[in-house]
Amino acid sequence: MLYDLTVVQFSKMLNNLNAVLDKGAAYAEAKRVDVGVLLGSRLAPDQFNLIRQVQIACDTAKLGVARLTGKQESAPVHPDVETSLAELKARIHSVIEYLAQFSPSDFEDAAERSISQPRWEGKYLTGYEFAIQHVIPNLYFHITTAYAILRHNGVDIGKKDYLGPMPYKS
């Protein structure tokens, strides 16, 4: 179940983020606005801009899965130097490719694994707690904020863009 909640959902949401970034680029071109204006936009003066939201969403996905599976050393390194839409999209693609390397069997002991981070000052969460209470909400927070920044700037996106394709049955 943790595989589906992380790898499957994170990949879907990163693909959706990629699609809303494309809509942002099309909007900027149509309105003759430098796409850099969108990339530097933020919702509040003390909040990260769009570039940083995308970077953190990518880091949350890759490092969350790496920590859950005990494979932190396998996560791709991204030095947070992206300044263009193409560079952000390449980062998203890199993380999606990384996530595709995992299988459900990689998560066999994930729920019970003790997971900590340096900023937690020696405290830890179980893998299940880490997934449900930290990494999943954190990913959605940063993707939602990226979406909101674009929407706030006039990009014509809606809930269907955020949710992406659905596996409807008939």
Protein backbone atom coordinates (compact mmCIF):
# COMPACT_ATOMS: atom_id res chain seq x y z
CA MET A 1 0.00 0.00 0.00
CA LEU A 2 2.84 2.45 0.73
CA TYR A 3 4.13 1.83 -2.80
CA ASP A 4 0.77 2.92 -4.26
CA LEU A 5 0.49 5.90 -1.91
CA THR A 6 3.96 7.14 -2.75
CA VAL A 7 5.49 5.91 -6.00
CA VAL A 8 2.26 5.66 -7.96
CA GLN A 9 0.66 8.85 -6.60
CA PHE A 10 3.87 10.90 -6.55
CA SER A 11 4.55 10.00 -10.19
CA LYS A 12 1.01 10.97 -11.16
CA MET A 13 1.17 14.26 -9.29
CA LEU A 14 4.57 15.16 -10.75
CA ASN A 15 3.18 14.47 -14.22
CA ASN A 16 0.23 16.74 -13.39
CA LEU A 17 2.66 19.42 -12.18
CA ASN A 18 4.53 19.09 -15.46
CA ALA A 19 1.27 19.61 -17.36
CA VAL A 20 0.30 22.75 -15.41
CA LEU A 21 3.80 24.14 -16.00
CA ASP A 22 3.19 23.61 -19.73
CA LYS A 23 -0.05 25.55 -19.42
CA GLY A 24 1.85 28.28 -17.61
CA ALA A 25 4.33 28.47 -20.48
CA ALA A 26 1.51 28.64 -23.05
CA TYR A 27 -0.17 31.39 -21.02
CA ALA A 28 3.06 33.38 -20.81
CA GLU A 29 3.57 33.08 -24.56
CA ALA A 30 -0.03 34.05 -25.37
CA LYS A 31 0.09 37.06 -23.04
CA ARG A 32 3.63 37.97 -24.11
CA VAL A 33 4.85 37.70 -20.55
CA ASP A 34 8.34 36.45 -19.74
CA VAL A 35 7.84 32.96 -18.27
CA GLY A 36 10.50 33.98 -15.74
CA VAL A 37 7.91 36.23 -14.15
CA LEU A 38 5.78 33.17 -13.40
CA LEU A 39 8.78 31.18 -12.18
CA GLY A 40 9.69 33.93 -9.73
CA SER A 41 6.14 34.47 -8.51
CA ARG A 42 4.99 33.61 -5.00
CA LEU A 43 1.71 33.80 -3.11
CA ALA A 44 3.11 35.76 -0.17
CA PRO A 45 6.32 37.74 0.38
CA ASP A 46 7.63 35.18 2.88
CA GLN A 47 6.74 32.12 0.81
CA PHE A 48 8.95 30.32 -1.71
CA ASN A 49 8.55 31.14 -5.40
CA LEU A 50 7.34 28.73 -8.09
CA ILE A 51 10.83 27.45 -8.87
CA ARG A 52 11.45 26.51 -5.23
CA GLN A 53 8.00 24.90 -4.90
CA VAL A 54 8.81 22.59 -7.82
CA GLN A 55 12.26 21.81 -6.44
CA ILE A 56 10.85 20.90 -3.03
CA ALA A 57 8.06 18.81 -4.55
CA CYS A 58 10.68 16.83 -6.47
CA ASP A 59 12.90 16.44 -3.41
CA THR A 60 9.96 15.36 -1.28
CA ALA A 61 9.00 12.64 -3.77
CA LYS A 62 12.47 11.22 -4.36
CA LEU A 63 13.77 11.47 -0.79
CA GLY A 64 10.50 10.29 0.73
CA VAL A 65 10.56 7.09 -1.32
CA ALA A 66 14.32 6.68 -0.78
CA ARG A 67 13.91 6.95 3.00
CA LEU A 68 10.91 4.62 3.08
CA THR A 69 12.85 1.94 1.22
CA GLY A 70 16.20 2.51 2.93
CA LYS A 71 17.81 3.56 -0.35
CA GLN A 72 18.75 7.18 0.42
CA GLU A 73 22.07 6.87 -1.41
CA SER A 74 20.27 5.98 -4.65
CA ALA A 75 18.32 9.25 -4.90
CA PRO A 76 19.43 11.56 -7.70
CA VAL A 77 21.17 14.74 -6.57
CA HIS A 78 19.73 18.04 -7.73
CA PRO A 79 21.72 21.11 -6.62
CA ASP A 80 18.74 23.54 -6.85
CA VAL A 81 20.18 25.63 -9.67
CA GLU A 82 17.19 25.58 -12.03
CA THR A 83 16.27 28.97 -13.46
CA SER A 84 14.21 28.00 -16.51
CA LEU A 85 11.08 26.05 -17.26
CA ALA A 86 13.07 23.53 -19.28
CA GLU A 87 15.38 22.89 -16.33
CA LEU A 88 12.43 22.41 -13.95
CA LYS A 89 10.78 20.00 -16.36
CA ALA A 90 14.04 18.04 -16.65
CA ARG A 91 14.18 17.78 -12.86
CA ILE A 92 10.60 16.52 -12.70
CA HIS A 93 11.37 13.98 -15.44
CA SER A 94 14.49 12.82 -13.56
CA VAL A 95 12.47 12.18 -10.40
CA ILE A 96 9.70 10.35 -12.28
CA GLU A 97 12.35 8.11 -13.88
CA TYR A 98 13.88 7.49 -10.45
CA LEU A 99 10.51 6.55 -8.94
CA ALA A 100 9.90 4.12 -11.82
CA GLN A 101 12.83 2.01 -10.56
CA PHE A 102 10.89 0.99 -7.43
CA SER A 103 8.52 -1.93 -7.06
CA PRO A 104 6.10 -2.93 -4.30
CA SER A 105 8.68 -5.40 -2.97
CA ASP A 106 11.00 -2.48 -2.14
CA PHE A 107 8.44 -1.43 0.49
CA GLU A 108 8.21 -4.75 2.37
CA ASP A 109 9.59 -3.35 5.64
CA ALA A 110 8.82 0.31 4.98
CA ALA A 111 5.94 0.70 7.44
CA GLU A 112 8.09 -0.34 10.42
CA ARG A 113 11.32 1.35 9.34
CA SER A 114 12.54 4.11 11.69
CA ILE A 115 12.96 7.30 9.68
CA SER A 116 14.69 10.43 10.89
CA GLN A 117 16.12 13.59 9.42
CA PRO A 118 18.86 15.85 10.81
CA ARG A 119 16.43 18.68 11.59
CA TRP A 120 14.35 16.32 13.76
CA GLU A 121 17.11 16.37 16.39
CA GLY A 122 17.28 12.63 17.05
CA LYS A 123 13.54 12.01 16.86
CA TYR A 124 12.05 9.58 14.36
CA LEU A 125 8.81 8.37 12.83
CA THR A 126 7.89 4.90 11.68
CA GLY A 127 7.75 4.56 7.91
CA TYR A 128 3.97 4.48 8.06
CA GLU A 129 3.84 7.67 10.16
CA PHE A 130 6.46 9.31 7.94
CA ALA A 131 4.44 8.54 4.81
CA ILE A 132 1.00 9.48 6.15
CA GLN A 133 1.89 12.43 8.37
CA HIS A 134 4.92 13.96 6.66
CA VAL A 135 5.93 13.05 3.14
CA ILE A 136 2.50 12.71 1.48
CA PRO A 137 1.08 15.96 2.93
CA ASN A 138 4.36 17.76 2.17
CA LEU A 139 4.30 16.72 -1.48
CA TYR A 140 0.69 17.82 -1.88
CA PHE A 141 1.42 21.12 -0.12
CA HIS A 142 4.17 22.09 -2.56
CA ILE A 143 2.33 20.89 -5.68
CA THR A 144 -0.81 22.71 -4.54
CA THR A 145 1.20 25.87 -3.89
CA ALA A 146 2.83 25.66 -7.34
CA TYR A 147 -0.64 25.24 -8.86
CA ALA A 148 -1.97 28.19 -6.81
CA ILE A 149 0.90 30.44 -7.90
CA LEU A 150 0.11 29.76 -11.56
CA ARG A 151 -3.64 30.13 -11.02
CA HIS A 152 -3.13 33.37 -9.08
CA ASN A 153 -1.17 34.73 -12.04
CA GLY A 154 -4.04 34.05 -14.42
CA VAL A 155 -3.08 30.70 -15.91
CA ASP A 156 -6.27 28.94 -17.00
CA ILE A 157 -6.01 25.78 -14.92
CA GLY A 158 -8.60 24.05 -12.80
CA LYS A 159 -9.18 21.09 -10.54
CA LYS A 160 -9.03 18.63 -13.45
CA ASP A 161 -5.52 19.86 -14.24
CA TYR A 162 -4.50 19.38 -10.61
CA LEU A 163 -6.07 15.91 -10.32
CA GLY A 164 -4.96 14.75 -13.76
CA PRO A 165 -6.32 11.75 -15.64
CA MET A 166 -8.63 9.48 -13.68
CA PRO A 167 -8.92 5.70 -14.11
CA TYR A 168 -12.68 5.81 -14.72
CA LYS A 169 -14.52 2.55 -15.22
CA SER A 170 -17.74 2.03 -17.18
